[in-house]
Amino acid sequence: MPTSTHFGDSSTVVGDRTVVEDRDATFRNDFGPVKEDASHAGSKRASKERALNTFVTTGHTLEDRPFFVPIGKDGLVAALQKLDKQLKDSNRPHILSGMKPTNWIGREISPGNIGLVNHGGSPKILTRPGRYPGFPLRNWWARSWVGTKGLSDTVIEFRGLTVVQVSQNQAAVVSDPQNRIFVVKNSGFVAFSVEGPFDVLSVVDQTHLPTVVRDPVTGSTLGWTHEVKMKSSVNAKEQRDYVVALFLNIPANNCAILQRGDDLELLGAGQSVITNPNVTLRGLYTLGENQLEMPTKDIFTRDQVPVSLTIYLKWQLTEPLKLTTHGYNTPYDALRDKTQSILTQLVAHLDYSAMIKQRSLGPDNMEDGTEPSSAFLDALRTRAMDEMHEAALEYGIVLKDLAVIDRQFKGEIAATMDKLTTRALEAQVEAANVDRENSNKVKQEEGALSVARIKAQAMNTQSDAEAYRVIAAAKAQAQKTLIEAEAQAQATRLAAEAEAEAIRIKSAADAMVNDQYAREMGLRRMEVNKVQAYGSRTIFVPTESSGAQMGQAMAVGMAAGLGSEARK
């Protein structure tokens, strides 16, 4: 009978117990690692083992199968030698050839390979590297060379000899001569078929399973699965495929529910495989938070107006066993029925007028207390959340948020109210458009006024700058003229002073001349200069006449008289 077996890396095998030992791990009778408190670890482990004993039963093991040798740390050649010894002890033909290799002629077997020889329908294995000569040098009458295989090949099937070796991520699904299924992980075996073959049905990559399982409601990935099938002849003409193993790859924070009869078992995250035909996969579930908008069916208010609501739900599944015990496949199915029931009761206590005023029933939309029905609606909202939370806990679900985000009223009253609401909205839109147009015009005028003000300020600034420039130019010109006049006056004064100084010096020089002849010569030179200045034809008339002398005397006398009067 099937059992539950673990092969390292937290992988669960539900099926026949196997004696194929993991090279680096041991087998455990459990469904996977369970997070538990250290203070209650012993009691929980004991209760879990008792539950598992009722869920799976222990039957035969691979040790019951004859001529079956696990591949241990010594490798494939050592396992072949053990199998060969078992065949010899049972007086059956051995499988290891006694031929010795040469180094000069024949079929070559390189290191890391084995040679396969068909010896009258029985397998013969050449394990030592080298060359093996054929007929007539050796007795090859009943032998035929088949080829070579690698010592690390995953599957070797030859004349009843079966070799299986899988790595850490691989799992080989094998059917024994009695069609009993077992799975080998991170290990291998060699077997010789005496009463029937060991068929390798599939070698599965456990980390890349082809079938994705998604939540039908939220669309989140719940895990990956792969079914291994075996062909079976049901009659002389028909063959059918039967599922013999189901591989599961469950990501972190997800889980699976297994079912055997009326018993359910929780399977945690990790890589698992089910081979027990009595154990089926009930479903995959996520333990993370989920959120969804859910439309409800039509609900009637107290005054018989139908309304359709759109609900926002946010939840987290914490106990999947409770959900499946109540017969629900998804948390959404459980919440949908309960939400519909509770909202039907709540809306039945509300009038259409209260519902049309109340936009949302969410916990963040609280009334200010001025509406007469606001306290009643708040009480209903609180009661809805409490009842939904309490109801969800029965299914192992924690409800984290609930809100009515939209509602659609139906019926004649709702249609009339919708028309009135539409007209009011149109009027509001028209008023808003008029206000918007007026506002745009006012903004345009304000903009034009601002532009004119800016232009005037610019002109004033330009005039001030021009006046300042003219004043500065006039000041500069006046300053220039003043400087030039002062310079000219200074130059004239300096020239006059220089000329007077020159005359004075000449006069002083002439006065110092005491010789009569020199004076005479000076007067003659003046006459020469005068003639040179005015020309040789100029006639000079003397002005020192008697009349002139008399006028001079009169002027002197008048001046003397005026001076005496002034002193009186």
Protein backbone atom coordinates (compact mmCIF):
# COMPACT_ATOMS: atom_id res chain seq x y z
CA MET A 1 0.00 0.00 0.00
CA PRO A 2 1.18 3.55 -0.59
CA THR A 3 3.06 5.63 1.89
CA SER A 4 4.26 9.20 2.29
CA THR A 5 8.00 9.58 1.73
CA HIS A 6 10.40 12.54 1.71
CA PHE A 7 13.55 12.77 -0.44
CA GLY A 8 15.53 15.82 0.70
CA ASP A 9 15.03 19.48 -0.25
CA SER A 10 11.62 19.41 1.49
CA SER A 11 10.18 17.32 -1.36
CA THR A 12 7.23 15.11 -0.54
CA VAL A 13 6.49 11.84 -2.24
CA VAL A 14 3.06 10.41 -1.60
CA GLY A 15 3.13 6.82 -2.80
CA ASP A 16 5.18 3.67 -2.33
CA ARG A 17 8.05 3.79 0.10
CA THR A 18 11.40 3.43 -1.64
CA VAL A 19 14.76 2.15 -0.44
CA VAL A 20 16.65 4.24 -3.00
CA GLU A 21 18.67 6.27 -0.52
CA ASP A 22 19.44 9.91 -1.17
CA ARG A 23 23.18 10.47 -1.50
CA ASP A 24 23.06 13.46 0.85
CA ALA A 25 19.71 13.20 2.65
CA THR A 26 17.51 10.79 4.58
CA PHE A 27 13.85 9.95 4.27
CA ARG A 28 11.17 11.21 6.65
CA ASN A 29 7.55 10.24 7.10
CA ASP A 30 5.98 13.68 7.00
CA PHE A 31 4.22 16.02 4.60
CA GLY A 32 6.83 18.77 4.72
CA PRO A 33 8.37 21.33 7.04
CA VAL A 34 5.85 22.88 9.40
CA LYS A 35 6.42 26.18 11.22
CA GLU A 36 5.72 25.53 14.88
CA ASP A 37 6.43 26.99 18.28
CA ALA A 38 9.36 25.39 20.09
CA SER A 39 7.39 25.07 23.32
CA HIS A 40 4.71 22.98 21.60
CA ALA A 41 6.86 21.27 18.96
CA GLY A 42 6.70 17.84 20.58
CA SER A 43 2.92 17.77 21.04
CA LYS A 44 2.29 19.16 17.55
CA ARG A 45 4.66 16.68 15.95
CA ALA A 46 2.98 13.79 17.78
CA SER A 47 -0.51 14.90 16.78
CA LYS A 48 0.63 15.41 13.18
CA GLU A 49 2.14 11.93 13.04
CA ARG A 50 -1.11 10.45 14.36
CA ALA A 51 -3.05 12.37 11.71
CA LEU A 52 -0.72 11.19 8.97
CA ASN A 53 -0.98 7.60 10.11
CA THR A 54 -4.71 7.84 9.42
CA PHE A 55 -4.08 9.63 6.12
CA VAL A 56 -1.50 7.19 4.62
CA THR A 57 -0.64 3.59 5.39
CA THR A 58 2.62 1.72 5.15
CA GLY A 59 2.96 -1.09 2.55
CA HIS A 60 5.71 -2.78 0.61
CA THR A 61 9.05 -1.15 -0.12
CA LEU A 62 11.50 -1.40 -2.98
CA GLU A 63 13.42 -3.89 -0.91
CA ASP A 64 10.72 -6.41 -1.85
CA ARG A 65 11.68 -6.14 -5.52
CA PRO A 66 14.28 -8.70 -6.61
CA PHE A 67 17.48 -7.77 -8.46
CA PHE A 68 17.15 -4.10 -7.55
CA VAL A 69 20.30 -2.30 -6.34
CA PRO A 70 20.44 1.38 -5.38
CA ILE A 71 23.36 3.42 -6.71
CA GLY A 72 25.31 4.67 -3.73
CA LYS A 73 28.35 6.85 -3.29
CA ASP A 74 30.56 4.25 -5.00
CA GLY A 75 28.83 4.89 -8.33
CA LEU A 76 27.30 2.87 -11.13
CA VAL A 77 30.07 0.29 -11.56
CA ALA A 78 29.85 -0.80 -7.90
CA ALA A 79 26.05 -1.13 -8.20
CA LEU A 80 26.47 -3.27 -11.35
CA GLN A 81 28.90 -5.50 -9.50
CA LYS A 82 26.38 -6.00 -6.65
CA LEU A 83 23.65 -6.81 -9.13
CA ASP A 84 25.93 -9.25 -10.95
CA LYS A 85 26.68 -11.01 -7.66
CA GLN A 86 22.97 -11.35 -6.90
CA LEU A 87 22.39 -12.92 -10.31
CA LYS A 88 25.27 -15.36 -9.82
CA ASP A 89 24.00 -16.33 -6.37
CA SER A 90 20.59 -17.13 -7.85
CA ASN A 91 22.17 -19.27 -10.62
CA ARG A 92 21.24 -16.80 -13.33
CA PRO A 93 23.47 -15.53 -16.14
CA HIS A 94 25.71 -12.75 -14.95
CA ILE A 95 25.70 -9.37 -16.69
CA LEU A 96 29.34 -8.26 -16.31
CA SER A 97 31.60 -9.58 -19.06
CA GLY A 98 34.82 -11.30 -18.09
CA MET A 99 36.66 -10.12 -21.21
CA LYS A 100 39.83 -8.17 -20.64
CA PRO A 101 40.68 -5.12 -22.75
CA THR A 102 43.76 -4.74 -24.95
CA ASN A 103 45.49 -1.66 -26.25
CA TRP A 104 46.13 -2.52 -29.90
CA ILE A 105 42.94 -3.52 -31.78
CA GLY A 106 39.16 -3.86 -31.42
CA ARG A 107 36.19 -1.81 -30.19
CA GLU A 108 37.28 1.08 -28.02
CA ILE A 109 35.69 2.05 -24.72
CA SER A 110 36.94 5.36 -23.34
CA PRO A 111 37.08 6.16 -19.60
CA GLY A 112 33.71 7.25 -18.23
CA ASN A 113 31.78 4.89 -20.52
CA ILE A 114 30.57 1.30 -20.50
CA GLY A 115 30.19 -1.07 -23.43
CA LEU A 116 26.96 -2.90 -24.27
CA VAL A 117 27.09 -6.36 -25.82
CA ASN A 118 24.13 -8.53 -26.86
CA HIS A 119 25.04 -12.04 -25.81
CA GLY A 120 22.31 -14.27 -27.18
CA GLY A 121 19.56 -11.94 -25.99
CA SER A 122 21.14 -11.31 -22.58
CA PRO A 123 23.01 -8.12 -21.68
CA LYS A 124 26.75 -8.10 -21.16
CA ILE A 125 28.43 -5.01 -19.77
CA LEU A 126 32.06 -4.02 -20.37
CA THR A 127 33.08 -1.70 -17.54
CA ARG A 128 36.85 -1.41 -18.05
CA PRO A 129 38.17 1.11 -20.63
CA GLY A 130 40.30 -0.14 -23.50
CA ARG A 131 39.95 -2.06 -26.80
CA TYR A 132 38.08 -5.34 -27.20
CA PRO A 133 38.95 -7.43 -30.31
CA GLY A 134 36.16 -9.18 -32.20
CA PHE A 135 35.92 -12.46 -34.21
CA PRO A 136 38.12 -14.44 -34.95
CA LEU A 137 40.50 -13.20 -32.25
CA ARG A 138 37.86 -13.62 -29.56
CA ASN A 139 34.84 -15.88 -29.22
CA TRP A 140 32.16 -13.56 -30.65
CA TRP A 141 29.98 -16.27 -32.22
CA ALA A 142 26.90 -15.47 -30.12
CA ARG A 143 27.81 -11.87 -29.32
CA SER A 144 27.10 -8.62 -31.15
CA TRP A 145 28.47 -5.20 -30.32
CA VAL A 146 25.72 -2.66 -29.54
CA GLY A 147 27.60 0.48 -28.49
CA THR A 148 28.67 2.51 -25.49
CA LYS A 149 26.87 4.56 -22.86
CA GLY A 150 28.10 7.14 -20.38
CA LEU A 151 28.45 6.23 -16.74
CA SER A 152 26.48 9.38 -15.82
CA ASP A 153 23.65 8.98 -18.34
CA THR A 154 20.24 9.51 -16.76
CA VAL A 155 18.52 6.43 -18.22
CA ILE A 156 20.05 3.28 -19.74
CA GLU A 157 17.70 0.49 -20.88
CA PHE A 158 19.27 -2.56 -22.51
CA ARG A 159 18.00 -6.16 -22.76
CA GLY A 160 16.15 -6.11 -19.42
CA LEU A 161 18.81 -4.05 -17.65
CA THR A 162 17.57 -0.70 -16.39
CA VAL A 163 19.84 2.05 -15.04
CA VAL A 164 18.42 5.29 -13.68
CA GLN A 165 20.44 8.19 -12.26
CA VAL A 166 18.85 11.57 -11.56
CA SER A 167 20.28 14.86 -10.30
CA GLN A 168 18.96 17.16 -7.61
CA ASN A 169 16.29 18.88 -9.73
CA GLN A 170 15.24 15.72 -11.55
CA ALA A 171 12.75 13.05 -10.60
CA ALA A 172 12.33 9.74 -12.43
CA VAL A 173 8.92 8.06 -12.44
CA VAL A 174 9.38 4.30 -12.76
CA SER A 175 6.95 1.40 -13.10
CA ASP A 176 8.13 -1.95 -11.73
CA PRO A 177 7.23 -5.37 -13.24
CA GLN A 178 4.02 -5.41 -11.16
CA ASN A 179 3.03 -1.92 -12.48
CA ARG A 180 3.66 -0.33 -9.11
CA ILE A 181 4.84 3.26 -9.41
CA PHE A 182 7.72 4.76 -7.49
CA VAL A 183 9.71 7.98 -7.83
CA VAL A 184 13.47 8.41 -7.56
CA LYS A 185 15.01 11.78 -6.67
CA ASN A 186 18.66 12.79 -6.33
CA SER A 187 19.73 9.17 -6.52
CA GLY A 188 19.56 6.14 -8.81
CA PHE A 189 19.36 2.36 -9.12
CA VAL A 190 20.19 -0.55 -11.37
CA ALA A 191 17.72 -3.38 -11.88
CA PHE A 192 17.43 -6.50 -13.95
CA SER A 193 14.05 -7.62 -15.24
CA VAL A 194 13.35 -11.27 -14.58
CA GLU A 195 9.55 -11.37 -14.50
CA GLY A 196 8.90 -8.01 -16.23
CA PRO A 197 10.61 -4.71 -17.15
CA PHE A 198 11.27 -1.64 -15.10
CA ASP A 199 9.77 1.08 -17.34
CA VAL A 200 11.02 4.64 -16.94
CA LEU A 201 7.85 6.60 -17.66
CA SER A 202 9.30 10.10 -17.40
CA VAL A 203 12.19 12.15 -16.06
CA VAL A 204 10.76 15.41 -14.73
CA ASP A 205 12.50 18.73 -14.11
CA GLN A 206 10.86 19.65 -10.82
CA THR A 207 11.77 23.34 -10.98
CA HIS A 208 10.20 23.92 -14.42
CA LEU A 209 6.85 22.17 -14.50
CA PRO A 210 4.90 22.97 -17.68
CA THR A 211 1.35 23.54 -16.39
CA VAL A 212 0.65 26.83 -14.58
CA VAL A 213 -2.20 26.89 -12.05
CA ARG A 214 -3.77 30.33 -11.64
CA ASP A 215 -6.48 31.63 -9.37
CA PRO A 216 -9.63 31.77 -11.52
CA VAL A 217 -10.75 34.97 -9.79
CA THR A 218 -7.67 37.10 -9.14
CA GLY A 219 -5.42 35.57 -11.80
CA SER A 220 -2.46 35.15 -9.42
CA THR A 221 -0.11 32.19 -9.88
CA LEU A 222 -0.77 29.47 -7.33
CA GLY A 223 1.83 26.95 -8.52
CA TRP A 224 2.86 24.58 -11.29
CA THR A 225 1.85 20.97 -11.92
CA HIS A 226 2.74 18.10 -14.25
CA GLU A 227 0.94 14.80 -14.77
CA VAL A 228 2.88 11.68 -15.72
CA LYS A 229 0.79 9.13 -17.59
CA MET A 230 1.30 5.46 -18.39
CA LYS A 231 -0.21 3.53 -21.26
CA SER A 232 -2.10 0.41 -20.23
CA SER A 233 -3.74 -2.21 -22.41
CA VAL A 234 -7.33 -2.67 -21.33
CA ASN A 235 -8.07 -5.23 -24.04
CA ALA A 236 -6.51 -6.68 -27.16
CA LYS A 237 -7.28 -3.61 -29.26
CA GLU A 238 -7.31 -0.65 -26.91
CA GLN A 239 -4.72 1.23 -24.87
CA ARG A 240 -5.46 4.04 -22.50
CA ASP A 241 -3.39 6.64 -20.67
CA TYR A 242 -3.64 6.70 -16.90
CA VAL A 243 -2.20 9.33 -14.58
CA VAL A 244 0.28 7.63 -12.27
CA ALA A 245 2.10 10.63 -10.75
CA LEU A 246 1.30 14.28 -10.14
CA PHE A 247 4.18 16.69 -9.57
CA LEU A 248 3.62 19.94 -7.68
CA ASN A 249 5.80 23.02 -7.41
CA ILE A 250 4.23 25.30 -4.82
CA PRO A 251 5.81 28.77 -4.40
CA ALA A 252 6.37 30.45 -1.06
CA ASN A 253 3.30 31.67 0.84
CA ASN A 254 1.10 29.22 -1.06
CA CYS A 255 -0.19 25.77 -0.17
CA ALA A 256 -2.12 22.78 -1.49
CA ILE A 257 -4.94 20.71 -0.02
CA LEU A 258 -4.74 16.92 -0.47
CA GLN A 259 -7.76 14.70 -0.07
CA ARG A 260 -8.13 11.02 0.70
CA GLY A 261 -11.73 10.08 1.14
CA ASP A 262 -13.14 12.51 3.70
CA ASP A 263 -9.72 13.35 5.12
CA LEU A 264 -7.92 16.55 4.15
CA GLU A 265 -4.27 17.41 4.60
CA LEU A 266 -2.42 20.69 4.16
CA LEU A 267 0.72 20.58 1.99
CA GLY A 268 3.09 23.52 2.31
CA ALA A 269 5.32 25.23 -0.23
CA GLY A 270 8.00 23.22 -2.01
CA GLN A 271 8.37 20.46 -4.60
CA SER A 272 6.13 17.43 -4.16
CA VAL A 273 4.84 14.43 -6.09
CA ILE A 274 1.74 12.30 -5.55
CA THR A 275 1.70 8.66 -6.65
CA ASN A 276 -0.96 7.29 -4.33
CA PRO A 277 -4.14 6.70 -6.38
CA ASN A 278 -6.29 7.29 -3.29
CA VAL A 279 -4.81 10.77 -2.73
CA THR A 280 -6.07 13.57 -4.97
CA LEU A 281 -5.27 17.25 -5.22
CA ARG A 282 -8.19 19.28 -3.90
CA GLY A 283 -6.75 22.62 -4.88
CA LEU A 284 -3.95 25.19 -4.64
CA TYR A 285 -4.36 28.32 -2.54
CA THR A 286 -2.46 31.51 -1.81
CA LEU A 287 -1.95 32.74 1.74
CA GLY A 288 -1.25 36.33 0.68
CA GLU A 289 -3.60 39.31 0.48
CA ASN A 290 -6.13 39.56 -2.36
CA GLN A 291 -8.44 42.34 -3.47
CA LEU A 292 -11.29 42.40 -5.95
CA GLU A 293 -14.28 44.42 -7.11
CA MET A 294 -17.40 42.25 -6.95
CA PRO A 295 -20.77 43.13 -8.52
CA THR A 296 -23.82 41.98 -6.57
CA LYS A 297 -27.21 40.85 -7.71
CA ASP A 298 -30.17 43.23 -7.58
CA ILE A 299 -31.14 44.19 -4.02
CA PHE A 300 -34.45 45.90 -3.11
CA THR A 301 -34.56 48.89 -0.79
CA ARG A 302 -37.28 49.33 1.81
CA ASP A 303 -39.45 51.15 -0.73
CA GLN A 304 -38.92 48.37 -3.33
CA VAL A 305 -36.43 50.14 -5.59
CA PRO A 306 -33.91 47.64 -7.05
CA VAL A 307 -30.26 48.58 -6.77
CA SER A 308 -27.09 46.84 -7.98
CA LEU A 309 -23.92 47.41 -5.94
CA THR A 310 -20.25 47.05 -6.74
CA ILE A 311 -18.31 45.84 -3.70
CA TYR A 312 -14.61 46.25 -2.98
CA LEU A 313 -13.24 43.30 -1.00
CA LYS A 314 -9.79 42.79 0.48
CA TRP A 315 -9.06 39.51 2.24
CA GLN A 316 -6.38 37.02 3.27
CA LEU A 317 -6.79 33.26 3.53
CA THR A 318 -5.15 32.01 6.74
CA GLU A 319 -6.73 28.53 7.22
CA PRO A 320 -7.36 26.78 3.90
CA LEU A 321 -8.62 23.62 5.60
CA LYS A 322 -11.64 25.49 6.98
CA LEU A 323 -12.47 26.77 3.51
CA THR A 324 -12.34 23.34 1.87
CA THR A 325 -14.20 21.75 4.78
CA HIS A 326 -17.16 24.02 4.00
CA GLY A 327 -17.03 22.91 0.37
CA TYR A 328 -15.71 26.11 -1.26
CA ASN A 329 -13.01 25.96 -3.91
CA THR A 330 -11.91 29.62 -3.63
CA PRO A 331 -12.20 32.28 -0.91
CA TYR A 332 -14.09 34.45 -3.37
CA ASP A 333 -16.92 31.91 -3.58
CA ALA A 334 -17.34 31.94 0.19
CA LEU A 335 -17.21 35.74 0.49
CA ARG A 336 -19.55 36.30 -2.44
CA ASP A 337 -22.44 34.35 -0.96
CA LYS A 338 -22.03 35.82 2.51
CA THR A 339 -21.61 39.37 1.22
CA GLN A 340 -24.74 39.08 -0.90
CA SER A 341 -26.72 37.86 2.08
CA ILE A 342 -25.55 40.57 4.50
CA LEU A 343 -25.93 43.44 2.02
CA THR A 344 -29.44 42.26 1.14
CA GLN A 345 -30.41 42.57 4.80
CA LEU A 346 -28.77 46.00 5.15
CA VAL A 347 -30.18 47.56 1.99
CA ALA A 348 -33.65 46.28 2.91
CA HIS A 349 -33.58 48.75 5.85
CA LEU A 350 -32.63 51.76 3.69
CA ASP A 351 -34.94 54.02 1.68
CA TYR A 352 -34.19 55.05 -1.87
CA SER A 353 -33.76 58.68 -0.77
CA ALA A 354 -31.14 57.67 1.81
CA MET A 355 -29.35 55.47 -0.70
CA ILE A 356 -29.23 58.22 -3.33
CA LYS A 357 -27.65 60.59 -0.81
CA GLN A 358 -25.23 58.04 0.51
CA ARG A 359 -22.55 57.75 -2.17
CA SER A 360 -20.50 55.02 -0.51
CA LEU A 361 -20.79 52.61 2.39
CA GLY A 362 -17.03 52.41 2.91
CA PRO A 363 -15.51 52.90 6.37
CA ASP A 364 -13.66 56.06 5.22
CA ASN A 365 -16.86 57.86 4.16
CA MET A 366 -18.24 59.13 7.46
CA GLU A 367 -21.16 61.57 7.76
CA ASP A 368 -20.82 64.85 9.61
CA GLY A 369 -23.92 64.16 11.73
CA THR A 370 -26.19 66.82 10.16
CA GLU A 371 -28.13 64.25 8.09
CA PRO A 372 -30.88 62.56 10.12
CA SER A 373 -30.11 59.14 8.70
CA SER A 374 -26.31 59.41 8.92
CA ALA A 375 -26.08 57.80 12.36
CA PHE A 376 -28.29 54.96 11.15
CA LEU A 377 -26.14 54.47 8.02
CA ASP A 378 -22.94 54.54 10.05
CA ALA A 379 -24.37 51.90 12.36
CA LEU A 380 -25.32 49.76 9.37
CA ARG A 381 -21.88 50.19 7.88
CA THR A 382 -20.20 49.15 11.09
CA ARG A 383 -22.53 46.17 11.51
CA ALA A 384 -21.88 45.05 7.92
CA MET A 385 -18.15 45.08 8.44
CA ASP A 386 -18.44 43.25 11.77
CA GLU A 387 -20.78 40.60 10.43
CA MET A 388 -18.66 40.04 7.32
CA HIS A 389 -15.50 39.76 9.39
CA GLU A 390 -17.12 37.26 11.75
CA ALA A 391 -18.56 35.24 8.88
CA ALA A 392 -15.24 35.17 7.01
CA LEU A 393 -13.44 33.76 10.05
CA GLU A 394 -15.64 30.68 9.86
CA TYR A 395 -14.08 29.94 6.47
CA GLY A 396 -10.51 30.68 7.58
CA ILE A 397 -10.53 34.11 5.89
CA VAL A 398 -9.52 37.44 7.43
CA LEU A 399 -11.57 40.25 5.86
CA LYS A 400 -9.43 43.40 5.83
CA ASP A 401 -11.59 45.87 3.91
CA LEU A 402 -15.15 46.17 2.63
CA ALA A 403 -16.66 49.11 0.76
CA VAL A 404 -19.49 49.85 -1.66
CA ILE A 405 -17.79 51.85 -4.42
CA ASP A 406 -20.71 52.12 -6.86
CA ARG A 407 -24.47 51.58 -7.08
CA GLN A 408 -26.93 51.49 -9.95
CA PHE A 409 -30.65 52.03 -9.28
CA LYS A 410 -33.24 50.40 -11.48
CA GLY A 411 -37.02 50.71 -12.01
CA GLU A 412 -39.32 53.63 -12.95
CA ILE A 413 -38.52 55.72 -9.89
CA ALA A 414 -34.84 55.26 -10.48
CA ALA A 415 -35.28 56.18 -14.16
CA THR A 416 -37.20 59.35 -13.21
CA MET A 417 -34.60 60.27 -10.64
CA ASP A 418 -31.88 59.62 -13.15
CA LYS A 419 -33.59 62.00 -15.60
CA LEU A 420 -33.92 64.67 -12.93
CA THR A 421 -30.36 64.07 -11.88
CA THR A 422 -29.28 64.27 -15.51
CA ARG A 423 -31.11 67.58 -15.98
CA ALA A 424 -29.61 68.95 -12.79
CA LEU A 425 -26.20 67.86 -13.89
CA GLU A 426 -26.74 69.43 -17.33
CA ALA A 427 -27.80 72.68 -15.68
CA GLN A 428 -24.77 72.54 -13.46
CA VAL A 429 -22.60 71.87 -16.49
CA GLU A 430 -24.15 74.81 -18.39
CA ALA A 431 -23.75 77.09 -15.39
CA ALA A 432 -20.20 75.91 -15.03
CA ASN A 433 -19.60 76.60 -18.74
CA VAL A 434 -21.04 80.13 -18.43
CA ASP A 435 -18.95 80.77 -15.34
CA ARG A 436 -15.96 79.42 -17.18
CA GLU A 437 -16.59 81.69 -20.20
CA ASN A 438 -17.09 84.75 -17.97
CA SER A 439 -14.01 83.87 -16.07
CA ASN A 440 -12.11 83.52 -19.32
CA LYS A 441 -13.33 86.95 -20.52
CA VAL A 442 -12.44 88.57 -17.22
CA LYS A 443 -9.05 86.97 -17.38
CA GLN A 444 -8.61 88.21 -20.97
CA GLU A 445 -9.52 91.80 -19.98
CA GLU A 446 -7.29 91.59 -16.97
CA GLY A 447 -4.57 90.32 -19.23
CA ALA A 448 -5.06 93.19 -21.72
CA LEU A 449 -5.05 95.73 -18.85
CA SER A 450 -1.90 94.21 -17.51
CA VAL A 451 -0.31 94.44 -20.97
CA ALA A 452 -1.32 98.13 -21.31
CA ARG A 453 0.00 98.86 -17.84
CA ILE A 454 3.26 97.18 -18.66
CA LYS A 455 3.53 99.08 -21.98
CA ALA A 456 2.87 102.45 -20.19
CA GLN A 457 5.47 101.59 -17.60
CA ALA A 458 7.84 100.74 -20.41
CA MET A 459 7.15 104.10 -22.19
CA ASN A 460 7.62 106.04 -18.93
CA THR A 461 10.82 104.26 -18.35
CA GLN A 462 11.95 105.01 -21.91
CA SER A 463 11.03 108.77 -21.55
CA ASP A 464 12.87 108.99 -18.25
CA ALA A 465 15.85 107.40 -19.85
CA GLU A 466 15.71 109.83 -22.85
CA ALA A 467 15.38 112.91 -20.58
CA TYR A 468 18.20 111.71 -18.43
CA ARG A 469 20.28 111.21 -21.55
CA VAL A 470 19.52 114.81 -22.83
CA ILE A 471 20.26 116.35 -19.43
CA ALA A 472 23.45 114.40 -19.16
CA ALA A 473 24.45 115.49 -22.69
CA ALA A 474 23.69 119.18 -21.91
CA LYS A 475 25.64 118.99 -18.69
CA ALA A 476 28.52 117.45 -20.53
CA GLN A 477 28.42 120.15 -23.28
CA ALA A 478 28.28 122.97 -20.69
CA GLN A 479 31.09 121.43 -18.79
CA LYS A 480 33.04 121.13 -21.99
CA THR A 481 32.41 124.80 -22.97
CA LEU A 482 33.36 125.98 -19.48
CA ILE A 483 36.54 123.97 -19.55
CA GLU A 484 37.38 125.26 -23.04
CA ALA A 485 36.66 128.93 -22.02
CA GLU A 486 38.77 128.59 -18.91
CA ALA A 487 41.52 127.06 -20.95
CA GLN A 488 41.30 129.86 -23.59
CA ALA A 489 41.27 132.58 -20.90
CA GLN A 490 44.20 131.01 -19.20
CA ALA A 491 46.04 130.79 -22.48
CA THR A 492 45.26 134.47 -23.36
CA ARG A 493 46.32 135.58 -19.93
CA LEU A 494 49.54 133.65 -20.17
CA ALA A 495 50.15 135.05 -23.67
CA ALA A 496 49.49 138.65 -22.51
CA GLU A 497 51.69 138.20 -19.50
CA ALA A 498 54.38 136.78 -21.69
CA GLU A 499 54.07 139.63 -24.18
CA ALA A 500 54.04 142.27 -21.42
CA GLU A 501 57.02 140.62 -19.86
CA ALA A 502 58.76 140.69 -23.19
CA ILE A 503 57.93 144.39 -23.72
CA ARG A 504 59.03 145.17 -20.23
CA ILE A 505 62.26 143.34 -20.74
CA LYS A 506 62.84 145.18 -24.02
CA SER A 507 61.93 148.50 -22.42
CA ALA A 508 64.29 147.79 -19.59
CA ALA A 509 66.92 146.87 -22.09
CA ASP A 510 66.32 150.05 -24.12
CA ALA A 511 66.37 152.12 -20.94
CA MET A 512 69.72 150.78 -20.04
CA VAL A 513 71.16 152.05 -23.33
CA ASN A 514 73.01 155.36 -22.41
CA ASP A 515 74.87 155.97 -25.62
CA GLN A 516 73.31 158.53 -27.93
CA TYR A 517 74.42 156.70 -31.00
CA ALA A 518 72.82 153.49 -29.81
CA ARG A 519 69.57 155.23 -29.16
CA GLU A 520 69.67 156.83 -32.53
CA MET A 521 70.33 153.46 -34.10
CA GLY A 522 67.37 152.01 -32.19
CA LEU A 523 65.09 154.71 -33.54
CA ARG A 524 66.35 154.05 -37.03
CA ARG A 525 65.69 150.35 -36.67
CA MET A 526 62.13 151.17 -35.58
CA GLU A 527 61.70 153.26 -38.67
CA VAL A 528 62.99 150.41 -40.81
CA ASN A 529 60.59 147.99 -39.17
CA LYS A 530 57.71 150.43 -39.64
CA VAL A 531 58.50 150.80 -43.33
CA GLN A 532 58.79 147.03 -43.67
CA ALA A 533 55.48 146.58 -41.92
CA TYR A 534 53.45 149.15 -43.89
CA GLY A 535 55.32 149.17 -47.17
CA SER A 536 57.84 151.50 -48.87
CA ARG A 537 55.16 153.78 -50.38
CA THR A 538 53.44 154.58 -47.06
CA ILE A 539 53.53 158.26 -46.02
CA PHE A 540 53.72 158.87 -42.30
CA VAL A 541 52.13 162.18 -41.05
CA PRO A 542 53.31 163.38 -37.68
CA THR A 543 50.54 163.88 -35.11
CA GLU A 544 52.48 165.96 -32.60
CA SER A 545 51.27 169.43 -33.90
CA SER A 546 50.49 172.53 -31.91
CA GLY A 547 46.83 171.90 -31.95
CA ALA A 548 47.40 168.45 -30.61
CA GLN A 549 49.62 169.78 -27.89
CA MET A 550 46.99 172.31 -26.90
CA GLY A 551 44.32 169.62 -26.69
CA GLN A 552 46.58 167.52 -24.54
CA ALA A 553 47.16 170.46 -22.17
CA MET A 554 43.45 171.06 -21.90
CA ALA A 555 42.81 167.45 -21.12
CA VAL A 556 45.45 167.51 -18.42
CA GLY A 557 43.90 170.55 -16.83
CA MET A 558 40.42 169.16 -16.86
CA ALA A 559 41.63 166.01 -15.24
CA ALA A 560 43.36 167.97 -12.51
CA GLY A 561 40.20 170.00 -11.81
CA LEU A 562 38.08 166.87 -11.60
CA GLY A 563 40.50 165.32 -9.20
CA SER A 564 40.43 168.27 -6.81
CA GLU A 565 36.67 168.32 -6.77
CA ALA A 566 36.61 164.70 -5.98
CA ARG A 567 38.87 165.20 -2.99
CA LYS A 568 36.56 167.93 -1.61
